């Protein structure tokens, strides 16, 4: 008898199948961006679409559209080391949304952003949910937690009631 790992009735027991699941169904916004420094902003967004169903011209158009959505139209050919932390964060958001994932995992997605840009990114995350996606974010940012449908608090590695953590009685 062979064991089979499944996610949403999809066999992911082999590395190749797990890689495909991750590429097609999960997007990740890393706290430290994890951009490839030798690729331009446009290429950093495009790269996660490789191996998917889109042709090169479609990938490029999608990457441009996403960079536009995070207000980085003018930075498509710039490399990550030349960008600010907030600009790198926005590229990471665009990259995570590139494959329109069912699940978006985000670690401090607004941490290095000013108020206006944070609102822009929060709006993109909310739009993703409106279109049927889900976002699971870890954040200390009240701008993000105030926009969430559900907020859980962790204290000493355990989930605690919101009323205790937030001071609301």
N, C-alpha and C. Protein backbone atom coordinates (compact mmCIF):
# COMPACT_ATOMS: atom_id res chain seq x y z
N UNK A 1 0.84 -1.17 0.00
CA UNK A 1 0.00 0.00 0.00
C UNK A 1 0.89 1.24 0.00
N UNK A 2 0.66 2.15 -0.94
CA UNK A 2 1.44 3.38 -1.01
C UNK A 2 0.66 4.51 -0.35
N UNK A 3 1.39 5.37 0.32
CA UNK A 3 0.73 6.52 0.92
C UNK A 3 0.70 7.64 -0.11
N UNK A 4 -0.34 8.42 -0.05
CA UNK A 4 -0.50 9.48 -1.02
C UNK A 4 -0.84 10.77 -0.28
N UNK A 5 -0.04 11.79 -0.46
CA UNK A 5 -0.33 13.10 0.13
C UNK A 5 -1.23 13.84 -0.83
N UNK A 6 -2.31 14.38 -0.29
CA UNK A 6 -3.26 15.09 -1.13
C UNK A 6 -3.59 16.45 -0.53
N UNK A 7 -3.77 17.41 -1.41
CA UNK A 7 -4.28 18.72 -1.05
C UNK A 7 -5.42 19.01 -2.01
N UNK A 8 -6.59 19.23 -1.47
CA UNK A 8 -7.80 19.47 -2.28
C UNK A 8 -7.97 18.37 -3.32
N UNK A 9 -7.82 17.12 -2.89
CA UNK A 9 -7.96 15.92 -3.72
C UNK A 9 -6.93 15.85 -4.85
N UNK A 10 -5.84 16.55 -4.71
CA UNK A 10 -4.78 16.56 -5.71
C UNK A 10 -3.56 15.87 -5.14
N UNK A 11 -3.08 14.87 -5.83
CA UNK A 11 -1.92 14.11 -5.37
C UNK A 11 -0.68 15.00 -5.42
N UNK A 12 -0.05 15.19 -4.27
CA UNK A 12 1.18 15.98 -4.20
C UNK A 12 2.28 15.17 -3.52
N UNK A 13 2.18 13.86 -3.64
CA UNK A 13 3.13 12.98 -2.95
C UNK A 13 4.51 12.96 -3.60
N UNK A 14 4.62 13.44 -4.82
CA UNK A 14 5.91 13.47 -5.50
C UNK A 14 6.34 14.92 -5.69
N UNK A 15 7.61 15.16 -5.66
CA UNK A 15 8.16 16.51 -5.74
C UNK A 15 7.62 17.27 -6.95
N UNK A 16 7.58 16.63 -8.08
CA UNK A 16 7.12 17.31 -9.30
C UNK A 16 5.67 17.77 -9.16
N UNK A 17 4.83 16.92 -8.57
CA UNK A 17 3.42 17.29 -8.39
C UNK A 17 3.28 18.39 -7.34
N UNK A 18 4.10 18.34 -6.30
CA UNK A 18 4.07 19.36 -5.26
C UNK A 18 4.54 20.70 -5.85
N UNK A 19 5.57 20.68 -6.67
CA UNK A 19 6.05 21.90 -7.32
C UNK A 19 4.95 22.51 -8.18
N UNK A 20 4.24 21.68 -8.90
CA UNK A 20 3.15 22.17 -9.76
C UNK A 20 2.04 22.78 -8.92
N UNK A 21 1.68 22.09 -7.84
CA UNK A 21 0.65 22.62 -6.94
C UNK A 21 1.08 23.98 -6.41
N UNK A 22 2.30 24.06 -5.94
CA UNK A 22 2.82 25.31 -5.38
C UNK A 22 2.80 26.43 -6.43
N UNK A 23 3.22 26.13 -7.65
CA UNK A 23 3.26 27.13 -8.71
C UNK A 23 1.86 27.60 -9.09
N UNK A 24 0.92 26.68 -9.18
CA UNK A 24 -0.41 27.01 -9.67
C UNK A 24 -1.37 27.50 -8.60
N UNK A 25 -1.23 27.02 -7.37
CA UNK A 25 -2.26 27.28 -6.36
C UNK A 25 -1.83 28.10 -5.16
N UNK A 26 -0.54 28.36 -5.00
CA UNK A 26 -0.06 29.07 -3.82
C UNK A 26 0.86 30.22 -4.25
N UNK A 27 0.60 31.39 -3.69
CA UNK A 27 1.49 32.53 -3.88
C UNK A 27 2.07 32.90 -2.52
N UNK A 28 3.30 33.37 -2.50
CA UNK A 28 3.95 33.70 -1.24
C UNK A 28 4.56 35.09 -1.32
N UNK A 29 4.23 35.92 -0.33
CA UNK A 29 4.88 37.21 -0.16
C UNK A 29 5.80 37.05 1.04
N UNK A 30 7.09 37.04 0.78
CA UNK A 30 8.08 36.86 1.84
C UNK A 30 8.36 38.20 2.51
N UNK A 31 8.61 38.18 3.80
CA UNK A 31 8.91 39.40 4.52
C UNK A 31 10.16 40.09 3.98
N UNK A 32 11.15 39.31 3.60
CA UNK A 32 12.38 39.89 3.07
C UNK A 32 12.44 39.82 1.54
N UNK A 33 11.28 39.72 0.92
CA UNK A 33 11.06 39.83 -0.52
C UNK A 33 11.53 38.64 -1.34
N UNK A 34 12.75 38.14 -1.10
CA UNK A 34 13.30 37.01 -1.85
C UNK A 34 13.28 37.22 -3.36
N UNK A 35 13.59 38.42 -3.78
CA UNK A 35 13.70 38.68 -5.22
C UNK A 35 15.08 38.24 -5.70
N UNK A 36 15.16 37.88 -6.95
CA UNK A 36 16.43 37.49 -7.55
C UNK A 36 17.15 38.76 -7.99
N UNK A 37 18.30 39.07 -7.41
CA UNK A 37 18.96 40.36 -7.67
C UNK A 37 19.46 40.54 -9.10
N UNK A 38 19.68 39.46 -9.82
CA UNK A 38 20.19 39.55 -11.19
C UNK A 38 19.08 39.61 -12.23
N UNK A 39 17.82 39.65 -11.77
CA UNK A 39 16.69 39.78 -12.68
C UNK A 39 16.02 41.13 -12.45
N UNK A 40 15.49 41.72 -13.51
CA UNK A 40 14.78 43.00 -13.39
C UNK A 40 13.46 42.79 -12.64
N UNK A 41 12.82 43.87 -12.30
CA UNK A 41 11.51 43.79 -11.64
C UNK A 41 10.54 42.97 -12.49
N UNK A 42 10.51 43.25 -13.79
CA UNK A 42 9.62 42.52 -14.69
C UNK A 42 9.95 41.03 -14.71
N UNK A 43 11.22 40.71 -14.80
CA UNK A 43 11.64 39.30 -14.83
C UNK A 43 11.35 38.59 -13.51
N UNK A 44 11.44 39.29 -12.39
CA UNK A 44 11.13 38.69 -11.09
C UNK A 44 9.66 38.31 -11.00
N UNK A 45 8.80 39.07 -11.64
CA UNK A 45 7.37 38.72 -11.65
C UNK A 45 7.11 37.61 -12.66
N UNK A 46 7.74 37.70 -13.81
CA UNK A 46 7.55 36.70 -14.87
C UNK A 46 8.01 35.30 -14.47
N UNK A 47 9.07 35.22 -13.71
CA UNK A 47 9.72 33.92 -13.47
C UNK A 47 8.80 32.92 -12.80
N UNK A 48 7.89 33.37 -11.96
CA UNK A 48 7.00 32.42 -11.29
C UNK A 48 5.95 31.84 -12.24
N UNK A 49 5.81 32.43 -13.41
CA UNK A 49 4.85 31.93 -14.39
C UNK A 49 5.46 30.92 -15.35
N UNK A 50 6.79 30.74 -15.31
CA UNK A 50 7.44 29.76 -16.17
C UNK A 50 6.90 28.37 -15.87
N UNK A 51 6.68 27.59 -16.88
CA UNK A 51 6.16 26.24 -16.69
C UNK A 51 4.65 26.20 -16.62
N UNK A 52 4.04 27.37 -16.67
CA UNK A 52 2.57 27.45 -16.65
C UNK A 52 1.99 27.40 -18.05
N UNK A 53 0.77 27.84 -18.16
CA UNK A 53 0.05 27.73 -19.43
C UNK A 53 0.21 28.93 -20.35
N UNK A 54 0.79 30.00 -19.83
CA UNK A 54 0.91 31.22 -20.63
C UNK A 54 2.15 31.20 -21.52
N UNK A 55 1.99 31.76 -22.72
CA UNK A 55 3.13 31.94 -23.62
C UNK A 55 3.95 33.14 -23.14
N UNK A 56 5.15 33.26 -23.66
CA UNK A 56 6.06 34.31 -23.21
C UNK A 56 5.43 35.70 -23.28
N UNK A 57 4.78 36.02 -24.39
CA UNK A 57 4.18 37.35 -24.54
C UNK A 57 3.06 37.56 -23.52
N UNK A 58 2.32 36.51 -23.22
CA UNK A 58 1.26 36.60 -22.22
C UNK A 58 1.84 36.77 -20.82
N UNK A 59 2.94 36.08 -20.53
CA UNK A 59 3.60 36.23 -19.23
C UNK A 59 4.10 37.66 -19.06
N UNK A 60 4.71 38.17 -20.12
CA UNK A 60 5.25 39.53 -20.06
C UNK A 60 4.11 40.54 -19.85
N UNK A 61 3.01 40.37 -20.56
CA UNK A 61 1.87 41.28 -20.41
C UNK A 61 1.29 41.20 -19.01
N UNK A 62 1.17 39.99 -18.49
CA UNK A 62 0.65 39.81 -17.13
C UNK A 62 1.58 40.46 -16.10
N UNK A 63 2.88 40.30 -16.26
CA UNK A 63 3.85 40.91 -15.34
C UNK A 63 3.75 42.43 -15.40
N UNK A 64 3.63 42.98 -16.59
CA UNK A 64 3.48 44.43 -16.73
C UNK A 64 2.20 44.93 -16.06
N UNK A 65 1.12 44.18 -16.26
CA UNK A 65 -0.16 44.53 -15.65
C UNK A 65 -0.04 44.54 -14.11
N UNK A 66 0.62 43.54 -13.57
CA UNK A 66 0.77 43.46 -12.11
C UNK A 66 1.69 44.56 -11.58
N UNK A 67 2.76 44.87 -12.29
CA UNK A 67 3.62 45.97 -11.85
C UNK A 67 2.87 47.30 -11.92
N UNK A 68 2.00 47.43 -12.91
CA UNK A 68 1.15 48.63 -12.97
C UNK A 68 0.23 48.67 -11.75
N UNK A 69 -0.33 47.53 -11.37
CA UNK A 69 -1.26 47.50 -10.24
C UNK A 69 -0.61 47.87 -8.91
N UNK A 70 0.72 47.73 -8.82
CA UNK A 70 1.44 48.13 -7.61
C UNK A 70 2.22 49.43 -7.84
N UNK A 71 1.83 50.18 -8.87
CA UNK A 71 2.38 51.50 -9.18
C UNK A 71 3.89 51.47 -9.44
N UNK A 72 4.34 50.46 -10.18
CA UNK A 72 5.76 50.37 -10.53
C UNK A 72 5.98 50.29 -12.04
N UNK A 73 5.12 50.93 -12.81
CA UNK A 73 5.24 50.94 -14.27
C UNK A 73 6.63 51.39 -14.72
N UNK A 74 7.16 52.38 -14.06
CA UNK A 74 8.43 52.97 -14.49
C UNK A 74 9.66 52.20 -14.01
N UNK A 75 9.45 51.14 -13.25
CA UNK A 75 10.58 50.40 -12.68
C UNK A 75 10.74 49.00 -13.28
N UNK A 76 10.11 48.70 -14.38
CA UNK A 76 10.12 47.34 -14.92
C UNK A 76 11.52 46.82 -15.23
N UNK A 77 12.41 47.69 -15.67
CA UNK A 77 13.75 47.26 -16.07
C UNK A 77 14.82 47.49 -15.00
N UNK A 78 14.39 47.84 -13.81
CA UNK A 78 15.31 48.12 -12.71
C UNK A 78 15.53 46.84 -11.90
N UNK A 79 16.73 46.68 -11.38
CA UNK A 79 17.09 45.48 -10.61
C UNK A 79 16.87 45.72 -9.12
N UNK A 80 16.50 44.70 -8.36
CA UNK A 80 16.17 44.85 -6.95
C UNK A 80 17.18 45.63 -6.10
N UNK A 81 18.50 45.43 -6.26
CA UNK A 81 19.43 46.20 -5.41
C UNK A 81 19.32 47.72 -5.61
N UNK A 82 18.76 48.15 -6.74
CA UNK A 82 18.64 49.57 -7.04
C UNK A 82 17.32 50.16 -6.52
N UNK A 83 16.48 49.34 -5.93
CA UNK A 83 15.15 49.76 -5.50
C UNK A 83 15.07 49.93 -3.99
N UNK A 84 14.09 50.70 -3.55
CA UNK A 84 13.86 50.86 -2.11
C UNK A 84 13.20 49.60 -1.56
N UNK A 85 13.17 49.48 -0.25
CA UNK A 85 12.52 48.33 0.38
C UNK A 85 11.04 48.25 0.04
N UNK A 86 10.38 49.39 0.00
CA UNK A 86 8.96 49.41 -0.36
C UNK A 86 8.71 48.99 -1.79
N UNK A 87 9.60 49.41 -2.70
CA UNK A 87 9.47 49.01 -4.11
C UNK A 87 9.69 47.50 -4.25
N UNK A 88 10.69 46.98 -3.54
CA UNK A 88 10.93 45.53 -3.58
C UNK A 88 9.72 44.78 -3.01
N UNK A 89 9.11 45.33 -1.96
CA UNK A 89 7.93 44.69 -1.38
C UNK A 89 6.80 44.64 -2.38
N UNK A 90 6.60 45.70 -3.12
CA UNK A 90 5.53 45.73 -4.12
C UNK A 90 5.79 44.74 -5.25
N UNK A 91 7.04 44.58 -5.64
CA UNK A 91 7.36 43.56 -6.65
C UNK A 91 7.03 42.17 -6.10
N UNK A 92 7.34 41.95 -4.83
CA UNK A 92 7.03 40.65 -4.21
C UNK A 92 5.52 40.40 -4.20
N UNK A 93 4.74 41.43 -3.99
CA UNK A 93 3.28 41.30 -4.02
C UNK A 93 2.82 40.95 -5.44
N UNK A 94 3.34 41.68 -6.41
CA UNK A 94 2.99 41.41 -7.82
C UNK A 94 3.35 39.98 -8.19
N UNK A 95 4.54 39.55 -7.79
CA UNK A 95 4.99 38.18 -8.10
C UNK A 95 4.07 37.15 -7.46
N UNK A 96 3.66 37.37 -6.23
CA UNK A 96 2.79 36.40 -5.53
C UNK A 96 1.43 36.30 -6.20
N UNK A 97 0.98 37.36 -6.82
CA UNK A 97 -0.34 37.35 -7.47
C UNK A 97 -0.28 36.86 -8.92
N UNK A 98 0.90 36.68 -9.46
CA UNK A 98 1.09 36.40 -10.89
C UNK A 98 0.28 35.22 -11.41
N UNK A 99 0.22 34.15 -10.66
CA UNK A 99 -0.50 32.96 -11.12
C UNK A 99 -1.93 32.89 -10.59
N UNK A 100 -2.42 34.01 -10.06
CA UNK A 100 -3.76 34.08 -9.49
C UNK A 100 -4.02 32.87 -8.58
N UNK A 101 -3.21 32.74 -7.53
CA UNK A 101 -3.28 31.55 -6.68
C UNK A 101 -4.56 31.46 -5.86
N UNK A 102 -4.95 30.24 -5.54
CA UNK A 102 -6.09 30.05 -4.65
C UNK A 102 -5.76 30.56 -3.25
N UNK A 103 -4.51 30.34 -2.84
CA UNK A 103 -4.06 30.71 -1.50
C UNK A 103 -2.84 31.61 -1.61
N UNK A 104 -2.90 32.73 -0.91
CA UNK A 104 -1.78 33.66 -0.86
C UNK A 104 -1.30 33.72 0.59
N UNK A 105 -0.05 33.34 0.81
CA UNK A 105 0.57 33.38 2.13
C UNK A 105 1.43 34.64 2.18
N UNK A 106 1.22 35.47 3.19
CA UNK A 106 1.91 36.76 3.24
C UNK A 106 2.51 36.99 4.61
N UNK A 107 3.81 37.25 4.63
CA UNK A 107 4.52 37.56 5.87
C UNK A 107 4.84 39.05 5.85
N UNK A 108 4.14 39.82 6.67
CA UNK A 108 4.31 41.27 6.76
C UNK A 108 4.26 41.95 5.38
N UNK A 109 3.15 41.75 4.64
CA UNK A 109 3.09 42.29 3.28
C UNK A 109 3.08 43.81 3.19
N UNK A 110 2.78 44.50 4.29
CA UNK A 110 2.75 45.96 4.28
C UNK A 110 3.82 46.55 5.19
N UNK A 111 4.69 45.73 5.71
CA UNK A 111 5.67 46.15 6.71
C UNK A 111 6.58 47.28 6.29
N UNK A 112 6.97 47.36 5.03
CA UNK A 112 7.92 48.39 4.60
C UNK A 112 7.25 49.44 3.70
N UNK A 113 5.93 49.57 3.87
CA UNK A 113 5.20 50.48 2.98
C UNK A 113 4.64 51.69 3.72
N UNK A 114 4.60 52.83 3.04
CA UNK A 114 3.94 54.01 3.60
C UNK A 114 2.43 53.81 3.56
N UNK A 115 1.68 54.73 4.15
CA UNK A 115 0.23 54.56 4.27
C UNK A 115 -0.48 54.41 2.93
N UNK A 116 -0.16 55.27 1.97
CA UNK A 116 -0.85 55.20 0.68
C UNK A 116 -0.55 53.89 -0.04
N UNK A 117 0.70 53.48 -0.01
CA UNK A 117 1.09 52.25 -0.69
C UNK A 117 0.53 51.03 0.05
N UNK A 118 0.48 51.09 1.36
CA UNK A 118 -0.11 49.99 2.14
C UNK A 118 -1.59 49.84 1.77
N UNK A 119 -2.29 50.96 1.64
CA UNK A 119 -3.71 50.89 1.24
C UNK A 119 -3.85 50.26 -0.14
N UNK A 120 -2.94 50.61 -1.04
CA UNK A 120 -2.96 50.03 -2.38
C UNK A 120 -2.80 48.51 -2.31
N UNK A 121 -1.81 48.04 -1.56
CA UNK A 121 -1.55 46.60 -1.44
C UNK A 121 -2.70 45.90 -0.72
N UNK A 122 -3.22 46.50 0.33
CA UNK A 122 -4.36 45.90 1.04
C UNK A 122 -5.55 45.79 0.09
N UNK A 123 -5.75 46.78 -0.74
CA UNK A 123 -6.83 46.71 -1.74
C UNK A 123 -6.63 45.56 -2.71
N UNK A 124 -5.40 45.34 -3.14
CA UNK A 124 -5.10 44.21 -4.04
C UNK A 124 -5.38 42.88 -3.34
N UNK A 125 -5.01 42.78 -2.07
CA UNK A 125 -5.26 41.54 -1.32
C UNK A 125 -6.76 41.32 -1.15
N UNK A 126 -7.50 42.39 -0.84
CA UNK A 126 -8.96 42.28 -0.71
C UNK A 126 -9.58 41.88 -2.05
N UNK A 127 -9.12 42.48 -3.14
CA UNK A 127 -9.64 42.13 -4.47
C UNK A 127 -9.39 40.66 -4.77
N UNK A 128 -8.22 40.17 -4.37
CA UNK A 128 -7.90 38.76 -4.59
C UNK A 128 -8.93 37.88 -3.88
N UNK A 129 -9.29 38.24 -2.67
CA UNK A 129 -10.30 37.48 -1.92
C UNK A 129 -11.67 37.59 -2.58
N UNK A 130 -12.01 38.76 -3.07
CA UNK A 130 -13.29 38.96 -3.74
C UNK A 130 -13.43 38.07 -4.97
N UNK A 131 -12.30 37.80 -5.63
CA UNK A 131 -12.30 36.95 -6.82
C UNK A 131 -12.21 35.47 -6.49
N UNK A 132 -12.31 35.13 -5.21
CA UNK A 132 -12.33 33.72 -4.83
C UNK A 132 -11.06 33.19 -4.22
N UNK A 133 -10.03 34.00 -4.12
CA UNK A 133 -8.79 33.57 -3.49
C UNK A 133 -8.86 33.75 -1.98
N UNK A 134 -7.90 33.22 -1.30
CA UNK A 134 -7.80 33.38 0.15
C UNK A 134 -6.42 33.93 0.48
N UNK A 135 -6.36 34.77 1.49
CA UNK A 135 -5.10 35.35 1.95
C UNK A 135 -4.92 35.01 3.41
N UNK A 136 -3.79 34.45 3.73
CA UNK A 136 -3.40 34.20 5.11
C UNK A 136 -2.16 35.05 5.35
N UNK A 137 -2.32 36.09 6.18
CA UNK A 137 -1.23 37.02 6.41
C UNK A 137 -0.82 37.04 7.87
N UNK A 138 0.47 37.18 8.09
CA UNK A 138 1.04 37.39 9.42
C UNK A 138 1.48 38.84 9.44
N UNK A 139 1.02 39.59 10.44
CA UNK A 139 1.35 41.01 10.44
C UNK A 139 1.21 41.63 11.82
N UNK A 140 2.02 42.66 12.05
CA UNK A 140 1.89 43.52 13.22
C UNK A 140 1.22 44.83 12.81
N UNK A 141 0.89 44.96 11.54
CA UNK A 141 0.40 46.21 10.99
C UNK A 141 -1.11 46.36 11.18
N UNK A 142 -1.56 47.32 11.99
CA UNK A 142 -3.00 47.49 12.20
C UNK A 142 -3.75 47.88 10.93
N UNK A 143 -3.05 48.49 9.96
CA UNK A 143 -3.71 48.81 8.68
C UNK A 143 -4.19 47.54 8.01
N UNK A 144 -3.40 46.49 8.11
CA UNK A 144 -3.77 45.21 7.49
C UNK A 144 -4.77 44.46 8.36
N UNK A 145 -4.52 44.37 9.64
CA UNK A 145 -5.44 43.62 10.51
C UNK A 145 -6.82 44.27 10.54
N UNK A 146 -6.89 45.59 10.44
CA UNK A 146 -8.20 46.26 10.41
C UNK A 146 -8.97 45.94 9.14
N UNK A 147 -8.29 45.57 8.08
CA UNK A 147 -8.94 45.25 6.81
C UNK A 147 -9.28 43.77 6.69
N UNK A 148 -8.83 42.95 7.64
CA UNK A 148 -9.02 41.50 7.56
C UNK A 148 -10.44 41.10 7.94
N UNK A 149 -10.88 40.00 7.35
CA UNK A 149 -12.18 39.43 7.72
C UNK A 149 -12.12 38.74 9.07
N UNK A 150 -10.95 38.20 9.38
CA UNK A 150 -10.78 37.47 10.63
C UNK A 150 -9.36 37.68 11.13
N UNK A 151 -9.22 37.92 12.41
CA UNK A 151 -7.90 38.15 13.01
C UNK A 151 -7.73 37.20 14.18
N UNK A 152 -6.61 36.52 14.18
CA UNK A 152 -6.23 35.66 15.30
C UNK A 152 -4.96 36.23 15.91
N UNK A 153 -4.83 36.13 17.21
CA UNK A 153 -3.64 36.62 17.90
C UNK A 153 -2.86 35.44 18.44
N UNK A 154 -1.54 35.56 18.36
CA UNK A 154 -0.65 34.56 18.92
C UNK A 154 0.08 35.16 20.11
N UNK A 155 0.14 34.42 21.18
CA UNK A 155 0.93 34.82 22.35
C UNK A 155 1.64 33.57 22.84
N UNK A 156 2.96 33.63 22.90
CA UNK A 156 3.76 32.49 23.34
C UNK A 156 3.45 31.24 22.53
N UNK A 157 3.24 31.41 21.23
CA UNK A 157 3.01 30.28 20.34
C UNK A 157 1.61 29.70 20.38
N UNK A 158 0.70 30.36 21.07
CA UNK A 158 -0.68 29.87 21.16
C UNK A 158 -1.67 30.93 20.69
N UNK A 159 -2.75 30.45 20.11
CA UNK A 159 -3.82 31.37 19.71
C UNK A 159 -4.56 31.80 20.98
N UNK A 160 -4.73 33.11 21.13
CA UNK A 160 -5.43 33.64 22.30
C UNK A 160 -6.62 34.45 21.83
N UNK A 161 -7.64 34.58 22.66
CA UNK A 161 -8.82 35.38 22.26
C UNK A 161 -8.43 36.81 21.96
N UNK A 162 -9.05 37.39 20.96
CA UNK A 162 -8.73 38.76 20.55
C UNK A 162 -8.92 39.73 21.68
N UNK A 163 -9.90 39.52 22.53
CA UNK A 163 -10.18 40.45 23.61
C UNK A 163 -9.02 40.54 24.61
N UNK A 164 -8.31 39.45 24.82
CA UNK A 164 -7.18 39.46 25.75
C UNK A 164 -5.98 40.17 25.12
N UNK A 165 -5.64 39.79 23.89
CA UNK A 165 -4.46 40.33 23.23
C UNK A 165 -4.63 41.81 22.91
N UNK A 166 -5.81 42.20 22.44
CA UNK A 166 -6.00 43.59 22.01
C UNK A 166 -6.33 44.52 23.15
N UNK A 167 -6.58 43.97 24.36
CA UNK A 167 -6.92 44.80 25.49
C UNK A 167 -8.39 45.15 25.53
N UNK A 168 -9.17 44.67 24.57
CA UNK A 168 -10.60 44.95 24.56
C UNK A 168 -11.30 43.98 25.48
N UNK A 169 -12.11 44.50 26.39
CA UNK A 169 -12.80 43.64 27.36
C UNK A 169 -14.24 43.44 26.95
